[in-house]
N, C-alpha and C. Protein backbone atom coordinates (compact mmCIF):
# COMPACT_ATOMS: atom_id res chain seq x y z
N MET A 1 0.84 -1.17 0.00
CA MET A 1 0.00 0.00 0.00
C MET A 1 0.89 1.24 0.00
N PRO A 2 0.62 2.19 -0.87
CA PRO A 2 1.42 3.41 -0.92
C PRO A 2 1.26 4.22 0.38
N SER A 3 2.31 4.92 0.70
CA SER A 3 2.26 5.74 1.92
C SER A 3 1.44 7.00 1.68
N SER A 4 1.09 7.67 2.77
CA SER A 4 0.29 8.89 2.63
C SER A 4 1.10 10.00 1.96
N ARG A 5 2.43 9.89 2.03
CA ARG A 5 3.28 10.88 1.36
C ARG A 5 3.09 10.81 -0.15
N THR A 6 2.85 9.63 -0.69
CA THR A 6 2.60 9.47 -2.12
C THR A 6 1.33 10.20 -2.52
N TYR A 7 0.30 10.08 -1.70
CA TYR A 7 -0.96 10.76 -2.00
C TYR A 7 -0.81 12.28 -1.91
N VAL A 8 0.02 12.73 -1.00
CA VAL A 8 0.27 14.17 -0.89
C VAL A 8 0.96 14.67 -2.15
N TRP A 9 1.92 13.91 -2.65
CA TRP A 9 2.61 14.30 -3.89
C TRP A 9 1.65 14.32 -5.08
N ILE A 10 0.77 13.37 -5.16
CA ILE A 10 -0.20 13.34 -6.26
C ILE A 10 -1.15 14.54 -6.15
N ALA A 11 -1.60 14.86 -4.94
CA ALA A 11 -2.47 16.03 -4.76
C ALA A 11 -1.74 17.32 -5.10
N ALA A 12 -0.47 17.42 -4.71
CA ALA A 12 0.32 18.61 -5.04
C ALA A 12 0.52 18.72 -6.55
N LEU A 13 0.75 17.60 -7.21
CA LEU A 13 0.89 17.60 -8.67
C LEU A 13 -0.40 18.06 -9.34
N PHE A 14 -1.53 17.62 -8.81
CA PHE A 14 -2.82 18.02 -9.36
C PHE A 14 -3.05 19.52 -9.19
N ILE A 15 -2.76 20.04 -8.00
CA ILE A 15 -2.95 21.48 -7.75
C ILE A 15 -2.01 22.30 -8.62
N LEU A 16 -0.78 21.85 -8.78
CA LEU A 16 0.17 22.54 -9.66
C LEU A 16 -0.31 22.52 -11.11
N PHE A 17 -0.83 21.40 -11.54
CA PHE A 17 -1.33 21.28 -12.91
C PHE A 17 -2.51 22.22 -13.15
N VAL A 18 -3.47 22.24 -12.23
CA VAL A 18 -4.65 23.09 -12.39
C VAL A 18 -4.25 24.57 -12.35
N GLY A 19 -3.33 24.92 -11.46
CA GLY A 19 -2.86 26.29 -11.39
C GLY A 19 -2.15 26.73 -12.66
N THR A 20 -1.28 25.87 -13.17
CA THR A 20 -0.57 26.16 -14.41
C THR A 20 -1.55 26.29 -15.58
N TYR A 21 -2.52 25.41 -15.62
CA TYR A 21 -3.52 25.45 -16.68
C TYR A 21 -4.30 26.77 -16.63
N ALA A 22 -4.68 27.19 -15.44
CA ALA A 22 -5.44 28.44 -15.30
C ALA A 22 -4.60 29.64 -15.71
N VAL A 23 -3.35 29.68 -15.27
CA VAL A 23 -2.49 30.83 -15.60
C VAL A 23 -2.23 30.90 -17.10
N VAL A 24 -1.89 29.77 -17.69
CA VAL A 24 -1.57 29.77 -19.13
C VAL A 24 -2.81 30.11 -19.95
N SER A 25 -3.97 29.56 -19.57
CA SER A 25 -5.16 29.84 -20.36
C SER A 25 -5.60 31.30 -20.26
N LEU A 26 -5.25 31.97 -19.17
CA LEU A 26 -5.60 33.38 -19.04
C LEU A 26 -4.55 34.30 -19.66
N MET A 27 -3.30 33.89 -19.70
CA MET A 27 -2.22 34.76 -20.16
C MET A 27 -1.93 34.65 -21.66
N VAL A 28 -2.09 33.49 -22.23
CA VAL A 28 -1.75 33.28 -23.64
C VAL A 28 -2.93 33.71 -24.50
N SER A 29 -2.64 34.44 -25.55
CA SER A 29 -3.71 34.89 -26.45
C SER A 29 -4.22 33.71 -27.28
N PRO A 30 -5.48 33.76 -27.68
CA PRO A 30 -6.04 32.66 -28.47
C PRO A 30 -5.26 32.44 -29.76
N GLY A 31 -5.04 31.19 -30.08
CA GLY A 31 -4.31 30.85 -31.29
C GLY A 31 -3.75 29.44 -31.21
N GLN A 32 -2.77 29.18 -32.05
CA GLN A 32 -2.21 27.84 -32.16
C GLN A 32 -1.51 27.40 -30.88
N SER A 33 -0.81 28.29 -30.21
CA SER A 33 -0.08 27.90 -29.00
C SER A 33 -1.04 27.54 -27.86
N LEU A 34 -2.13 28.25 -27.73
CA LEU A 34 -3.12 27.93 -26.71
C LEU A 34 -3.82 26.61 -27.03
N ASP A 35 -4.11 26.37 -28.29
CA ASP A 35 -4.70 25.10 -28.70
C ASP A 35 -3.77 23.93 -28.40
N THR A 36 -2.50 24.10 -28.70
CA THR A 36 -1.52 23.04 -28.45
C THR A 36 -1.40 22.75 -26.96
N PHE A 37 -1.34 23.80 -26.15
CA PHE A 37 -1.27 23.61 -24.71
C PHE A 37 -2.51 22.90 -24.19
N GLY A 38 -3.68 23.27 -24.67
CA GLY A 38 -4.92 22.61 -24.24
C GLY A 38 -4.96 21.15 -24.62
N ASN A 39 -4.48 20.82 -25.82
CA ASN A 39 -4.47 19.42 -26.26
C ASN A 39 -3.51 18.58 -25.42
N ILE A 40 -2.35 19.13 -25.12
CA ILE A 40 -1.38 18.40 -24.29
C ILE A 40 -1.93 18.23 -22.88
N ALA A 41 -2.55 19.26 -22.35
CA ALA A 41 -3.11 19.18 -21.00
C ALA A 41 -4.21 18.13 -20.94
N GLN A 42 -5.03 18.04 -21.97
CA GLN A 42 -6.10 17.05 -21.98
C GLN A 42 -5.58 15.63 -22.13
N CYS A 43 -4.39 15.47 -22.65
CA CYS A 43 -3.77 14.15 -22.70
C CYS A 43 -3.15 13.77 -21.35
N LEU A 44 -2.70 14.76 -20.60
CA LEU A 44 -2.07 14.49 -19.31
C LEU A 44 -3.08 14.16 -18.22
N VAL A 45 -4.28 14.66 -18.31
CA VAL A 45 -5.29 14.42 -17.26
C VAL A 45 -5.59 12.93 -17.10
N PRO A 46 -5.87 12.16 -18.16
CA PRO A 46 -6.11 10.73 -17.95
C PRO A 46 -4.86 9.99 -17.46
N LEU A 47 -3.67 10.47 -17.84
CA LEU A 47 -2.46 9.81 -17.36
C LEU A 47 -2.29 9.97 -15.86
N VAL A 48 -2.57 11.15 -15.35
CA VAL A 48 -2.47 11.38 -13.90
C VAL A 48 -3.56 10.60 -13.18
N ALA A 49 -4.77 10.57 -13.73
CA ALA A 49 -5.84 9.79 -13.12
C ALA A 49 -5.49 8.31 -13.12
N ASN A 50 -4.88 7.85 -14.18
CA ASN A 50 -4.47 6.46 -14.29
C ASN A 50 -3.42 6.12 -13.23
N ALA A 51 -2.48 7.02 -13.02
CA ALA A 51 -1.45 6.78 -12.00
C ALA A 51 -2.07 6.68 -10.62
N GLY A 52 -3.01 7.53 -10.31
CA GLY A 52 -3.67 7.47 -9.01
C GLY A 52 -4.48 6.20 -8.83
N LEU A 53 -5.17 5.77 -9.88
CA LEU A 53 -5.96 4.55 -9.79
C LEU A 53 -5.09 3.31 -9.69
N LEU A 54 -3.97 3.29 -10.40
CA LEU A 54 -3.11 2.11 -10.36
C LEU A 54 -2.31 2.01 -9.07
N LEU A 55 -2.18 3.10 -8.32
CA LEU A 55 -1.56 3.00 -7.01
C LEU A 55 -2.39 2.11 -6.08
N ASN A 56 -3.69 2.19 -6.22
CA ASN A 56 -4.56 1.34 -5.40
C ASN A 56 -4.58 -0.10 -5.87
N ALA A 57 -4.17 -0.36 -7.09
CA ALA A 57 -4.19 -1.72 -7.61
C ALA A 57 -3.05 -2.57 -7.03
N GLY A 58 -2.09 -1.95 -6.37
CA GLY A 58 -0.97 -2.69 -5.81
C GLY A 58 -1.23 -3.26 -4.44
N THR A 59 -2.45 -3.18 -3.95
CA THR A 59 -2.76 -3.71 -2.63
C THR A 59 -2.92 -5.23 -2.70
N PRO A 60 -2.75 -5.92 -1.59
CA PRO A 60 -2.90 -7.38 -1.60
C PRO A 60 -4.35 -7.86 -1.67
N HIS A 61 -5.30 -6.96 -1.61
CA HIS A 61 -6.71 -7.34 -1.66
C HIS A 61 -7.16 -7.42 -3.12
N TRP A 62 -7.20 -8.61 -3.70
CA TRP A 62 -7.40 -8.75 -5.13
C TRP A 62 -8.81 -8.36 -5.56
N ARG A 63 -9.78 -8.50 -4.70
CA ARG A 63 -11.15 -8.13 -5.09
C ARG A 63 -11.30 -6.61 -5.23
N ARG A 64 -10.57 -5.88 -4.43
CA ARG A 64 -10.59 -4.42 -4.57
C ARG A 64 -9.75 -3.97 -5.75
N ASN A 65 -8.76 -4.75 -6.11
CA ASN A 65 -7.91 -4.39 -7.25
C ASN A 65 -8.70 -4.35 -8.56
N VAL A 66 -9.65 -5.25 -8.70
CA VAL A 66 -10.45 -5.29 -9.93
C VAL A 66 -11.23 -3.99 -10.07
N SER A 67 -11.81 -3.51 -8.98
CA SER A 67 -12.58 -2.28 -9.07
C SER A 67 -11.69 -1.06 -9.30
N GLY A 68 -10.40 -1.16 -9.00
CA GLY A 68 -9.48 -0.07 -9.29
C GLY A 68 -8.87 -0.17 -10.68
N CYS A 69 -8.74 -1.39 -11.17
CA CYS A 69 -8.13 -1.59 -12.49
C CYS A 69 -9.08 -1.26 -13.63
N LEU A 70 -10.36 -1.46 -13.45
CA LEU A 70 -11.30 -1.17 -14.54
C LEU A 70 -11.36 0.32 -14.89
N PRO A 71 -11.46 1.24 -13.90
CA PRO A 71 -11.39 2.66 -14.28
C PRO A 71 -10.04 3.06 -14.81
N ALA A 72 -8.98 2.43 -14.32
CA ALA A 72 -7.64 2.74 -14.85
C ALA A 72 -7.53 2.33 -16.30
N MET A 73 -8.10 1.18 -16.63
CA MET A 73 -8.08 0.75 -18.02
C MET A 73 -8.93 1.68 -18.88
N SER A 74 -10.01 2.19 -18.34
CA SER A 74 -10.84 3.14 -19.05
C SER A 74 -10.08 4.43 -19.33
N CYS A 75 -9.30 4.90 -18.34
CA CYS A 75 -8.49 6.10 -18.56
C CYS A 75 -7.39 5.85 -19.58
N THR A 76 -6.87 4.65 -19.61
CA THR A 76 -5.81 4.32 -20.56
C THR A 76 -6.34 4.31 -21.99
N PHE A 77 -7.49 3.69 -22.20
CA PHE A 77 -8.01 3.56 -23.55
C PHE A 77 -8.86 4.75 -23.99
N GLY A 78 -9.21 5.63 -23.06
CA GLY A 78 -10.11 6.75 -23.38
C GLY A 78 -9.44 7.88 -23.96
């Protein structure tokens, strides 16, 4: 089971990502660079969600792992 420090790092990464997204979307003028940033950001969101879901899949409780792996697989293929 991951330590609580791992969850703190994931939460900090999420807050940093949302803050960066807000600043860039407000500061950059509409155009190709803003579109590119938005597309890259939308690709990173499922990857971060997948990392958080797969952290729970490493527990020794196999019945709970299935319920964590199915949304992770959805984020991977989505």
